[in-house]
Amino acid sequence: MIRELFEQDTFEEQFEIIDVELCGEKYRIREFNFHPLNANKVWPGNTVFAGWLLGNLEELKNKKIIELGAGSGILSIFLAKHGIDITTSDYNDTEIPVNIAYNCNLNGISVIPHISHSWGESIDFSVDFDIVVASDILLYVKQYGNLIETLKKLLEKPQSKFWLSNRRRIDTESSFLDMCTASGLSVQNIGPKVFEIKLN
């Protein structure tokens, strides 16, 4: 009996719905209370990056965009609300796209296409994306090499680019950017903690 109560108290609350404001717009987002791969929270960096993307919206229009490490999907939902053709992507875990779809419904938009993909794994992307975006994905230092391999695949299309906003793990940011350069990618700082990465 005691064990049953403990298990119920521990696992009953798997999600929490929160209110989030991006650029003066209100969104409702269901977060995981816990997720082993950090796909569980709306991180503050999303707010800053959303503002920067809003200022550069014209460059995103009429292009194919993919977000890496989409987590709850809030940044992609924000872009979809502004008419951007966006696809979400995250670690190969069935709960993540289900939760992103739930959040799309919460915010009154069609479910955003999703690609489940673990960085470094071989994948034939069925769409050639023009711009890759990501916010605060540099948490797992051991995955930097795999992330770069995925980026190289995504950036094969001429003129394609990766916009990375990083406000977490700033202590290891330079290591990642140096690895990009050593791997044949060019890196340019184009905004406050926003970097543009391309194939040379």
N, C-alpha and C. Protein backbone atom coordinates (compact mmCIF):
# COMPACT_ATOMS: atom_id res chain seq x y z
N MET A 1 0.83 -1.20 0.00
CA MET A 1 0.00 0.00 0.00
C MET A 1 0.87 1.26 0.00
N ILE A 2 1.88 1.28 0.86
CA ILE A 2 2.78 2.44 0.93
C ILE A 2 3.51 2.61 -0.40
N ARG A 3 3.96 1.48 -1.00
CA ARG A 3 4.67 1.54 -2.27
C ARG A 3 3.77 2.09 -3.37
N GLU A 4 2.51 1.68 -3.37
CA GLU A 4 1.57 2.17 -4.39
C GLU A 4 1.39 3.68 -4.27
N LEU A 5 1.28 4.18 -3.06
CA LEU A 5 1.13 5.62 -2.86
C LEU A 5 2.38 6.37 -3.32
N PHE A 6 3.54 5.79 -3.02
CA PHE A 6 4.80 6.42 -3.42
C PHE A 6 4.91 6.52 -4.93
N GLU A 7 4.57 5.41 -5.60
CA GLU A 7 4.66 5.41 -7.05
C GLU A 7 3.69 6.40 -7.68
N GLN A 8 2.51 6.53 -7.10
CA GLN A 8 1.53 7.47 -7.63
C GLN A 8 2.01 8.91 -7.44
N ASP A 9 2.53 9.22 -6.25
CA ASP A 9 3.02 10.57 -5.98
C ASP A 9 4.20 10.92 -6.89
N THR A 10 5.04 9.92 -7.19
CA THR A 10 6.25 10.17 -7.96
C THR A 10 5.96 10.38 -9.44
N PHE A 11 5.01 9.61 -10.00
CA PHE A 11 4.85 9.61 -11.44
C PHE A 11 3.53 10.18 -11.95
N GLU A 12 2.67 10.62 -11.06
CA GLU A 12 1.36 11.11 -11.51
C GLU A 12 1.49 12.36 -12.37
N GLU A 13 2.37 13.29 -11.99
CA GLU A 13 2.55 14.54 -12.72
C GLU A 13 3.70 14.38 -13.72
N GLN A 14 3.38 14.02 -14.94
CA GLN A 14 4.43 13.89 -15.95
C GLN A 14 4.61 15.21 -16.70
N PHE A 15 3.58 16.01 -16.79
CA PHE A 15 3.61 17.26 -17.54
C PHE A 15 3.09 18.41 -16.70
N GLU A 16 3.44 19.61 -17.15
CA GLU A 16 2.90 20.83 -16.56
C GLU A 16 2.66 21.82 -17.69
N ILE A 17 1.50 22.45 -17.72
CA ILE A 17 1.21 23.46 -18.74
C ILE A 17 1.52 24.83 -18.17
N ILE A 18 2.36 25.58 -18.90
CA ILE A 18 2.77 26.90 -18.44
C ILE A 18 2.41 27.95 -19.49
N ASP A 19 2.36 29.20 -19.06
CA ASP A 19 2.16 30.33 -19.96
C ASP A 19 3.51 30.97 -20.24
N VAL A 20 3.79 31.20 -21.51
CA VAL A 20 5.08 31.77 -21.93
C VAL A 20 4.80 32.97 -22.82
N GLU A 21 5.60 34.02 -22.66
CA GLU A 21 5.47 35.19 -23.53
C GLU A 21 6.72 35.34 -24.38
N LEU A 22 6.53 35.42 -25.70
CA LEU A 22 7.61 35.66 -26.65
C LEU A 22 7.26 36.89 -27.46
N CYS A 23 8.09 37.91 -27.37
CA CYS A 23 7.90 39.13 -28.16
C CYS A 23 6.50 39.71 -27.97
N GLY A 24 5.99 39.68 -26.74
CA GLY A 24 4.69 40.25 -26.44
C GLY A 24 3.52 39.34 -26.78
N GLU A 25 3.80 38.14 -27.29
CA GLU A 25 2.76 37.19 -27.67
C GLU A 25 2.69 36.08 -26.62
N LYS A 26 1.49 35.65 -26.30
CA LYS A 26 1.31 34.63 -25.26
C LYS A 26 1.15 33.25 -25.89
N TYR A 27 1.84 32.28 -25.29
CA TYR A 27 1.79 30.90 -25.72
C TYR A 27 1.54 30.00 -24.51
N ARG A 28 0.84 28.88 -24.74
CA ARG A 28 0.66 27.86 -23.70
C ARG A 28 1.49 26.65 -24.11
N ILE A 29 2.31 26.19 -23.20
CA ILE A 29 3.24 25.11 -23.52
C ILE A 29 3.18 24.04 -22.44
N ARG A 30 3.04 22.80 -22.88
CA ARG A 30 3.11 21.68 -21.95
C ARG A 30 4.56 21.20 -21.90
N GLU A 31 5.14 21.28 -20.70
CA GLU A 31 6.51 20.86 -20.48
C GLU A 31 6.53 19.48 -19.81
N PHE A 32 7.56 18.71 -20.09
CA PHE A 32 7.83 17.53 -19.29
C PHE A 32 8.29 17.99 -17.91
N ASN A 33 7.81 17.35 -16.86
CA ASN A 33 8.39 17.61 -15.54
C ASN A 33 9.83 17.15 -15.50
N PHE A 34 10.12 16.08 -16.23
CA PHE A 34 11.49 15.58 -16.33
C PHE A 34 11.64 14.87 -17.66
N HIS A 35 12.80 15.06 -18.29
CA HIS A 35 13.14 14.29 -19.47
C HIS A 35 14.64 14.05 -19.44
N PRO A 36 15.09 12.83 -19.65
CA PRO A 36 16.52 12.52 -19.48
C PRO A 36 17.43 13.25 -20.44
N LEU A 37 16.89 13.81 -21.53
CA LEU A 37 17.73 14.47 -22.52
C LEU A 37 17.44 15.96 -22.63
N ASN A 38 16.86 16.53 -21.57
CA ASN A 38 16.72 17.98 -21.47
C ASN A 38 15.68 18.57 -22.40
N ALA A 39 14.79 17.74 -22.93
CA ALA A 39 13.71 18.24 -23.79
C ALA A 39 12.52 18.65 -22.94
N ASN A 40 12.79 19.08 -21.73
CA ASN A 40 11.69 19.21 -20.77
C ASN A 40 11.28 20.64 -20.45
N LYS A 41 12.09 21.63 -20.76
CA LYS A 41 11.79 22.98 -20.29
C LYS A 41 11.86 24.00 -21.42
N VAL A 42 11.16 25.12 -21.22
CA VAL A 42 11.32 26.29 -22.09
C VAL A 42 12.43 27.12 -21.49
N TRP A 43 13.58 27.12 -22.13
CA TRP A 43 14.74 27.82 -21.57
C TRP A 43 14.67 29.31 -21.91
N PRO A 44 15.19 30.16 -21.03
CA PRO A 44 15.10 31.62 -21.24
C PRO A 44 15.71 32.09 -22.56
N GLY A 45 16.70 31.36 -23.07
CA GLY A 45 17.31 31.76 -24.33
C GLY A 45 16.34 31.80 -25.49
N ASN A 46 15.26 31.01 -25.42
CA ASN A 46 14.24 31.04 -26.48
C ASN A 46 13.64 32.43 -26.64
N THR A 47 13.45 33.12 -25.53
CA THR A 47 12.84 34.45 -25.56
C THR A 47 13.72 35.42 -26.34
N VAL A 48 15.02 35.40 -26.06
CA VAL A 48 15.95 36.31 -26.72
C VAL A 48 16.07 35.97 -28.21
N PHE A 49 16.20 34.68 -28.50
CA PHE A 49 16.37 34.26 -29.89
C PHE A 49 15.11 34.55 -30.71
N ALA A 50 13.94 34.37 -30.09
CA ALA A 50 12.69 34.66 -30.80
C ALA A 50 12.65 36.13 -31.23
N GLY A 51 13.10 37.01 -30.34
CA GLY A 51 13.14 38.44 -30.68
C GLY A 51 14.08 38.72 -31.84
N TRP A 52 15.23 38.07 -31.83
CA TRP A 52 16.20 38.26 -32.91
C TRP A 52 15.64 37.71 -34.23
N LEU A 53 15.02 36.53 -34.17
CA LEU A 53 14.43 35.95 -35.38
C LEU A 53 13.31 36.82 -35.93
N LEU A 54 12.53 37.41 -35.04
CA LEU A 54 11.44 38.29 -35.48
C LEU A 54 12.00 39.47 -36.26
N GLY A 55 13.15 39.96 -35.84
CA GLY A 55 13.80 41.06 -36.56
C GLY A 55 14.40 40.65 -37.88
N ASN A 56 14.54 39.34 -38.10
CA ASN A 56 15.12 38.82 -39.35
C ASN A 56 14.14 37.92 -40.09
N LEU A 57 12.85 38.17 -39.86
CA LEU A 57 11.80 37.30 -40.39
C LEU A 57 11.79 37.26 -41.92
N GLU A 58 12.11 38.38 -42.56
CA GLU A 58 12.07 38.43 -44.03
C GLU A 58 13.01 37.41 -44.65
N GLU A 59 14.13 37.15 -43.97
CA GLU A 59 15.10 36.19 -44.52
C GLU A 59 14.60 34.75 -44.39
N LEU A 60 13.64 34.53 -43.49
CA LEU A 60 13.11 33.18 -43.27
C LEU A 60 11.92 32.87 -44.18
N LYS A 61 11.29 33.90 -44.69
CA LYS A 61 10.07 33.70 -45.48
C LYS A 61 10.39 33.01 -46.81
N ASN A 62 9.46 32.13 -47.22
CA ASN A 62 9.57 31.38 -48.48
C ASN A 62 10.79 30.45 -48.50
N LYS A 63 11.24 30.03 -47.32
CA LYS A 63 12.36 29.11 -47.22
C LYS A 63 11.97 27.94 -46.32
N LYS A 64 12.72 26.86 -46.45
CA LYS A 64 12.52 25.67 -45.62
C LYS A 64 13.45 25.77 -44.42
N ILE A 65 12.85 25.72 -43.23
CA ILE A 65 13.61 25.89 -41.99
C ILE A 65 13.47 24.62 -41.15
N ILE A 66 14.55 24.23 -40.48
CA ILE A 66 14.49 23.13 -39.51
C ILE A 66 15.11 23.60 -38.19
N GLU A 67 14.46 23.24 -37.09
CA GLU A 67 15.01 23.54 -35.77
C GLU A 67 15.60 22.27 -35.18
N LEU A 68 16.86 22.34 -34.76
CA LEU A 68 17.49 21.24 -34.05
C LEU A 68 17.24 21.39 -32.56
N GLY A 69 17.08 20.28 -31.86
CA GLY A 69 16.87 20.33 -30.42
C GLY A 69 15.63 21.11 -30.06
N ALA A 70 14.52 20.82 -30.74
CA ALA A 70 13.30 21.64 -30.61
C ALA A 70 12.65 21.53 -29.23
N GLY A 71 12.90 20.46 -28.50
CA GLY A 71 12.35 20.33 -27.15
C GLY A 71 10.83 20.40 -27.12
N SER A 72 10.31 21.41 -26.44
CA SER A 72 8.86 21.58 -26.33
C SER A 72 8.23 22.08 -27.62
N GLY A 73 9.07 22.58 -28.54
CA GLY A 73 8.57 23.09 -29.82
C GLY A 73 8.20 24.56 -29.82
N ILE A 74 8.45 25.26 -28.71
CA ILE A 74 7.95 26.64 -28.61
C ILE A 74 8.53 27.56 -29.68
N LEU A 75 9.82 27.45 -29.97
CA LEU A 75 10.42 28.34 -30.97
C LEU A 75 9.83 28.08 -32.35
N SER A 76 9.65 26.81 -32.70
CA SER A 76 9.05 26.47 -33.99
C SER A 76 7.59 26.91 -34.06
N ILE A 77 6.88 26.77 -32.95
CA ILE A 77 5.48 27.22 -32.91
C ILE A 77 5.42 28.73 -33.12
N PHE A 78 6.33 29.45 -32.49
CA PHE A 78 6.43 30.90 -32.67
C PHE A 78 6.65 31.24 -34.14
N LEU A 79 7.59 30.56 -34.80
CA LEU A 79 7.88 30.84 -36.21
C LEU A 79 6.70 30.44 -37.10
N ALA A 80 6.07 29.30 -36.80
CA ALA A 80 4.91 28.87 -37.59
C ALA A 80 3.78 29.89 -37.49
N LYS A 81 3.59 30.47 -36.31
CA LYS A 81 2.56 31.51 -36.13
C LYS A 81 2.85 32.74 -36.99
N HIS A 82 4.12 32.92 -37.34
CA HIS A 82 4.52 34.05 -38.19
C HIS A 82 4.67 33.64 -39.66
N GLY A 83 4.09 32.49 -40.02
CA GLY A 83 4.04 32.09 -41.42
C GLY A 83 5.29 31.44 -41.96
N ILE A 84 6.17 30.96 -41.07
CA ILE A 84 7.41 30.34 -41.53
C ILE A 84 7.22 28.83 -41.70
N ASP A 85 7.79 28.29 -42.79
CA ASP A 85 7.73 26.85 -43.09
C ASP A 85 8.80 26.16 -42.25
N ILE A 86 8.40 25.60 -41.11
CA ILE A 86 9.34 25.07 -40.13
C ILE A 86 9.11 23.59 -39.90
N THR A 87 10.19 22.86 -39.68
CA THR A 87 10.16 21.45 -39.27
C THR A 87 10.92 21.35 -37.96
N THR A 88 10.38 20.59 -37.01
CA THR A 88 11.10 20.37 -35.75
C THR A 88 11.94 19.10 -35.85
N SER A 89 12.97 19.06 -35.01
CA SER A 89 13.82 17.88 -34.94
C SER A 89 14.36 17.76 -33.53
N ASP A 90 14.48 16.53 -33.07
CA ASP A 90 15.09 16.28 -31.76
C ASP A 90 15.49 14.82 -31.68
N TYR A 91 16.09 14.48 -30.55
CA TYR A 91 16.53 13.11 -30.29
C TYR A 91 15.42 12.12 -30.61
N ASN A 92 15.81 10.92 -31.03
CA ASN A 92 14.85 9.89 -31.43
C ASN A 92 14.14 9.32 -30.20
N ASP A 93 13.12 10.03 -29.75
CA ASP A 93 12.33 9.66 -28.58
C ASP A 93 10.87 9.95 -28.93
N THR A 94 10.02 8.94 -28.85
CA THR A 94 8.64 9.10 -29.32
C THR A 94 7.85 10.14 -28.52
N GLU A 95 8.22 10.39 -27.27
CA GLU A 95 7.47 11.34 -26.45
C GLU A 95 7.64 12.78 -26.94
N ILE A 96 8.79 13.10 -27.52
CA ILE A 96 9.07 14.49 -27.90
C ILE A 96 8.13 14.98 -29.00
N PRO A 97 8.01 14.28 -30.17
CA PRO A 97 7.10 14.78 -31.20
C PRO A 97 5.64 14.76 -30.77
N VAL A 98 5.27 13.80 -29.90
CA VAL A 98 3.90 13.77 -29.39
C VAL A 98 3.62 15.03 -28.58
N ASN A 99 4.59 15.45 -27.77
CA ASN A 99 4.40 16.65 -26.96
C ASN A 99 4.41 17.92 -27.81
N ILE A 100 5.26 17.95 -28.83
CA ILE A 100 5.27 19.11 -29.74
C ILE A 100 3.92 19.23 -30.44
N ALA A 101 3.37 18.10 -30.90
CA ALA A 101 2.06 18.11 -31.54
C ALA A 101 0.99 18.62 -30.57
N TYR A 102 1.07 18.19 -29.33
CA TYR A 102 0.13 18.66 -28.30
C TYR A 102 0.23 20.17 -28.14
N ASN A 103 1.46 20.69 -28.13
CA ASN A 103 1.65 22.13 -27.98
C ASN A 103 1.19 22.91 -29.20
N CYS A 104 1.32 22.31 -30.38
CA CYS A 104 0.75 22.95 -31.58
C CYS A 104 -0.75 23.11 -31.42
N ASN A 105 -1.42 22.05 -30.97
CA ASN A 105 -2.87 22.10 -30.76
C ASN A 105 -3.24 23.11 -29.69
N LEU A 106 -2.45 23.18 -28.63
CA LEU A 106 -2.70 24.15 -27.56
C LEU A 106 -2.69 25.59 -28.09
N ASN A 107 -1.86 25.82 -29.12
CA ASN A 107 -1.69 27.17 -29.64
C ASN A 107 -2.40 27.41 -30.97
N GLY A 108 -3.30 26.49 -31.32
CA GLY A 108 -4.17 26.70 -32.46
C GLY A 108 -3.52 26.66 -33.82
N ILE A 109 -2.44 25.86 -33.96
CA ILE A 109 -1.82 25.74 -35.28
C ILE A 109 -1.78 24.28 -35.69
N SER A 110 -1.60 24.04 -36.99
CA SER A 110 -1.47 22.68 -37.50
C SER A 110 -0.20 22.05 -36.92
N VAL A 111 -0.23 20.74 -36.77
CA VAL A 111 0.93 20.04 -36.23
C VAL A 111 2.12 20.23 -37.17
N ILE A 112 3.23 20.64 -36.60
CA ILE A 112 4.45 20.91 -37.36
C ILE A 112 5.13 19.59 -37.72
N PRO A 113 5.61 19.45 -38.97
CA PRO A 113 6.35 18.24 -39.33
C PRO A 113 7.56 18.04 -38.40
N HIS A 114 7.88 16.79 -38.11
CA HIS A 114 8.96 16.49 -37.16
C HIS A 114 9.86 15.40 -37.72
N ILE A 115 11.16 15.55 -37.48
CA ILE A 115 12.14 14.52 -37.82
C ILE A 115 12.82 14.09 -36.52
N SER A 116 12.68 12.81 -36.18
CA SER A 116 13.40 12.26 -35.03
C SER A 116 14.77 11.82 -35.51
N HIS A 117 15.82 12.39 -34.90
CA HIS A 117 17.17 12.12 -35.38
C HIS A 117 18.17 12.38 -34.27
N SER A 118 18.99 11.39 -34.01
CA SER A 118 20.08 11.57 -33.05
C SER A 118 21.31 12.05 -33.80
N TRP A 119 21.95 13.11 -33.34
CA TRP A 119 23.08 13.71 -34.04
C TRP A 119 24.15 12.67 -34.35
N GLY A 120 24.67 12.77 -35.55
CA GLY A 120 25.74 11.87 -35.97
C GLY A 120 25.24 10.63 -36.67
N GLU A 121 23.96 10.28 -36.48
CA GLU A 121 23.41 9.11 -37.16
C GLU A 121 23.19 9.41 -38.63
N SER A 122 23.36 8.40 -39.46
CA SER A 122 23.12 8.56 -40.88
C SER A 122 21.62 8.75 -41.12
N ILE A 123 21.29 9.76 -41.90
CA ILE A 123 19.88 10.00 -42.23
C ILE A 123 19.81 10.67 -43.59
N ASP A 124 18.84 10.26 -44.37
CA ASP A 124 18.60 10.87 -45.68
C ASP A 124 17.48 11.90 -45.49
N PHE A 125 17.84 13.17 -45.29
CA PHE A 125 16.82 14.20 -45.10
C PHE A 125 16.04 14.34 -46.40
N SER A 126 14.73 14.16 -46.32
CA SER A 126 13.89 14.17 -47.51
C SER A 126 13.67 15.58 -48.05
N VAL A 127 14.01 16.59 -47.25
CA VAL A 127 13.85 17.98 -47.65
C VAL A 127 15.21 18.67 -47.56
N ASP A 128 15.55 19.47 -48.56
CA ASP A 128 16.76 20.29 -48.48
C ASP A 128 16.40 21.59 -47.76
N PHE A 129 16.91 21.75 -46.57
CA PHE A 129 16.57 22.93 -45.77
C PHE A 129 17.49 24.09 -46.11
N ASP A 130 16.92 25.29 -46.08
CA ASP A 130 17.68 26.50 -46.37
C ASP A 130 18.38 27.03 -45.12
N ILE A 131 17.67 27.00 -44.01
CA ILE A 131 18.22 27.54 -42.77
C ILE A 131 17.94 26.57 -41.63
N VAL A 132 18.97 26.30 -40.85
CA VAL A 132 18.86 25.49 -39.63
C VAL A 132 18.93 26.46 -38.46
N VAL A 133 18.02 26.31 -37.50
CA VAL A 133 18.06 27.17 -36.31
C VAL A 133 18.13 26.28 -35.07
N ALA A 134 18.72 26.83 -34.01
CA ALA A 134 18.78 26.10 -32.74
C ALA A 134 19.07 27.09 -31.62
N SER A 135 18.47 26.82 -30.48
CA SER A 135 18.68 27.65 -29.30
C SER A 135 19.15 26.78 -28.14
N ASP A 136 20.32 27.14 -27.59
CA ASP A 136 20.83 26.50 -26.37
C ASP A 136 20.92 24.99 -26.47
N ILE A 137 21.64 24.51 -27.51
CA ILE A 137 21.78 23.06 -27.68
C ILE A 137 23.19 22.57 -27.35
N LEU A 138 24.03 23.43 -26.80
CA LEU A 138 25.43 23.05 -26.55
C LEU A 138 25.65 22.47 -25.17
N LEU A 139 24.64 21.83 -24.62
CA LEU A 139 24.74 21.31 -23.26
C LEU A 139 25.64 20.08 -23.17
N TYR A 140 25.56 19.20 -24.18
CA TYR A 140 26.27 17.93 -24.11
C TYR A 140 27.56 18.00 -24.93
N VAL A 141 28.65 18.31 -24.26
CA VAL A 141 29.94 18.53 -24.92
C VAL A 141 30.37 17.30 -25.71
N LYS A 142 30.12 16.11 -25.19
CA LYS A 142 30.55 14.89 -25.87
C LYS A 142 29.83 14.67 -27.19
N GLN A 143 28.75 15.41 -27.43
CA GLN A 143 27.99 15.27 -28.67
C GLN A 143 28.38 16.29 -29.74
N TYR A 144 29.35 17.14 -29.45
CA TYR A 144 29.71 18.19 -30.42
C TYR A 144 30.13 17.60 -31.77
N GLY A 145 30.94 16.56 -31.75
CA GLY A 145 31.37 15.94 -33.01
C GLY A 145 30.18 15.41 -33.81
N ASN A 146 29.24 14.76 -33.13
CA ASN A 146 28.05 14.25 -33.80
C ASN A 146 27.17 15.38 -34.33
N LEU A 147 27.06 16.46 -33.56
CA LEU A 147 26.28 17.62 -34.02
C LEU A 147 26.89 18.19 -35.29
N ILE A 148 28.20 18.30 -35.33
CA ILE A 148 28.87 18.84 -36.52
C ILE A 148 28.64 17.94 -37.73
N GLU A 149 28.65 16.62 -37.53
CA GLU A 149 28.38 15.70 -38.65
C GLU A 149 26.97 15.92 -39.19
N THR A 150 26.01 16.11 -38.31
CA THR A 150 24.63 16.39 -38.74
C THR A 150 24.56 17.73 -39.48
N LEU A 151 25.26 18.73 -38.95
CA LEU A 151 25.26 20.04 -39.60
C LEU A 151 25.83 19.97 -41.01
N LYS A 152 26.91 19.22 -41.17
CA LYS A 152 27.52 19.10 -42.51
C LYS A 152 26.51 18.53 -43.50
N LYS A 153 25.71 17.58 -43.07
CA LYS A 153 24.69 17.00 -43.94
C LYS A 153 23.61 18.04 -44.27
N LEU A 154 23.18 18.78 -43.25
CA LEU A 154 22.11 19.75 -43.44
C LEU A 154 22.55 20.96 -44.26
N LEU A 155 23.85 21.26 -44.25
CA LEU A 155 24.35 22.46 -44.91
C LEU A 155 24.91 22.19 -46.30
N GLU A 156 24.63 21.01 -46.85
CA GLU A 156 25.14 20.67 -48.18
C GLU A 156 24.50 21.51 -49.28
N LYS A 157 23.27 21.95 -49.07
CA LYS A 157 22.59 22.76 -50.08
C LYS A 157 23.31 24.10 -50.22
N PRO A 158 23.60 24.54 -51.44
CA PRO A 158 24.25 25.85 -51.62
C PRO A 158 23.47 26.97 -50.91
N GLN A 159 24.19 27.85 -50.26
CA GLN A 159 23.64 29.02 -49.57
C GLN A 159 22.92 28.67 -48.26
N SER A 160 22.91 27.40 -47.87
CA SER A 160 22.25 27.07 -46.61
C SER A 160 23.12 27.53 -45.44
N LYS A 161 22.48 27.72 -44.29
CA LYS A 161 23.22 28.22 -43.12
C LYS A 161 22.55 27.77 -41.83
N PHE A 162 23.33 27.87 -40.77
CA PHE A 162 22.88 27.47 -39.43
C PHE A 162 22.96 28.69 -38.53
N TRP A 163 21.83 29.05 -37.93
CA TRP A 163 21.79 30.13 -36.94
C TRP A 163 21.69 29.52 -35.55
N LEU A 164 22.72 29.71 -34.77
CA LEU A 164 22.79 29.15 -33.42
C LEU A 164 22.74 30.27 -32.40
N SER A 165 21.77 30.20 -31.50
CA SER A 165 21.71 31.11 -30.35
C SER A 165 22.16 30.32 -29.13
N ASN A 166 23.14 30.84 -28.44
CA ASN A 166 23.66 30.11 -27.29
C ASN A 166 23.76 31.00 -26.06
N ARG A 167 22.95 30.68 -25.06
CA ARG A 167 23.01 31.40 -23.79
C ARG A 167 23.19 30.45 -22.61
N ARG A 168 23.44 29.18 -22.92
CA ARG A 168 23.79 28.20 -21.90
C ARG A 168 25.11 27.55 -22.31
N ARG A 169 25.84 27.05 -21.35
CA ARG A 169 27.15 26.44 -21.59
C ARG A 169 28.05 27.37 -22.38
N ILE A 170 28.05 28.66 -22.00
CA ILE A 170 28.91 29.62 -22.67
C ILE A 170 30.38 29.28 -22.44
N ASP A 171 30.67 28.57 -21.34
CA ASP A 171 32.05 28.20 -21.03
C ASP A 171 32.64 27.25 -22.07
N THR A 172 31.79 26.50 -22.76
CA THR A 172 32.29 25.56 -23.77
C THR A 172 31.94 26.00 -25.20
N GLU A 173 31.34 27.17 -25.31
CA GLU A 173 30.93 27.67 -26.64
C GLU A 173 32.11 27.76 -27.59
N SER A 174 33.24 28.33 -27.12
CA SER A 174 34.40 28.50 -28.00
C SER A 174 34.94 27.15 -28.47
N SER A 175 34.84 26.13 -27.63
CA SER A 175 35.29 24.79 -28.03
C SER A 175 34.48 24.28 -29.22
N PHE A 176 33.16 24.47 -29.14
CA PHE A 176 32.30 24.03 -30.25
C PHE A 176 32.61 24.81 -31.51
N LEU A 177 32.72 26.12 -31.40
CA LEU A 177 32.97 26.95 -32.58
C LEU A 177 34.33 26.63 -33.19
N ASP A 178 35.33 26.36 -32.35
CA ASP A 178 36.65 25.97 -32.86
C ASP A 178 36.56 24.63 -33.59
N MET A 179 35.77 23.70 -33.06
CA MET A 179 35.59 22.41 -33.72
C MET A 179 34.91 22.58 -35.07
N CYS A 180 33.95 23.51 -35.15
CA CYS A 180 33.29 23.80 -36.43
C CYS A 180 34.31 24.27 -37.45
N THR A 181 35.16 25.22 -37.06
CA THR A 181 36.17 25.76 -37.97
C THR A 181 37.13 24.67 -38.42
N ALA A 182 37.57 23.84 -37.49
CA ALA A 182 38.50 22.76 -37.81
C ALA A 182 37.87 21.72 -38.72
N SER A 183 36.54 21.66 -38.73
CA SER A 183 35.82 20.68 -39.55
C SER A 183 35.40 21.23 -40.91
N GLY A 184 35.87 22.41 -41.26
CA GLY A 184 35.57 22.97 -42.57
C GLY A 184 34.33 23.83 -42.61
N LEU A 185 33.89 24.32 -41.46
CA LEU A 185 32.74 25.22 -41.40
C LEU A 185 33.22 26.62 -41.09
N SER A 186 32.54 27.61 -41.62
CA SER A 186 32.86 29.01 -41.29
C SER A 186 31.92 29.49 -40.20
N VAL A 187 32.42 30.33 -39.31
CA VAL A 187 31.65 30.82 -38.17
C VAL A 187 31.70 32.34 -38.15
N GLN A 188 30.53 32.96 -38.00
CA GLN A 188 30.46 34.42 -37.92
C GLN A 188 29.46 34.81 -36.83
N ASN A 189 29.85 35.76 -36.01
CA ASN A 189 28.94 36.29 -34.98
C ASN A 189 28.05 37.33 -35.65
N ILE A 190 26.73 37.07 -35.70
CA ILE A 190 25.83 37.96 -36.44
C ILE A 190 24.81 38.66 -35.54
N GLY A 191 24.85 38.39 -34.25
CA GLY A 191 23.91 39.02 -33.32
C GLY A 191 24.36 38.76 -31.90
N PRO A 192 23.63 39.27 -30.90
CA PRO A 192 24.00 39.03 -29.51
C PRO A 192 23.89 37.54 -29.17
N LYS A 193 25.05 36.88 -29.10
CA LYS A 193 25.14 35.45 -28.84
C LYS A 193 24.41 34.65 -29.93
N VAL A 194 24.43 35.15 -31.16
CA VAL A 194 23.89 34.43 -32.32
C VAL A 194 25.01 34.25 -33.32
N PHE A 195 25.22 33.02 -33.78
CA PHE A 195 26.30 32.70 -34.69
C PHE A 195 25.73 32.11 -35.97
N GLU A 196 26.32 32.50 -37.09
CA GLU A 196 25.97 31.92 -38.38
C GLU A 196 27.09 30.98 -38.81
N ILE A 197 26.73 29.73 -39.10
CA ILE A 197 27.70 28.69 -39.44
C ILE A 197 27.33 28.15 -40.82
N LYS A 198 28.35 28.06 -41.70
CA LYS A 198 28.15 27.58 -43.06
C LYS A 198 29.26 26.62 -43.43
N LEU A 199 29.02 25.86 -44.51
CA LEU A 199 30.11 25.08 -45.12
C LEU A 199 31.01 26.03 -45.87
N ASN A 200 32.31 25.85 -45.78
CA ASN A 200 33.26 26.67 -46.55
C ASN A 200 33.18 26.32 -48.02
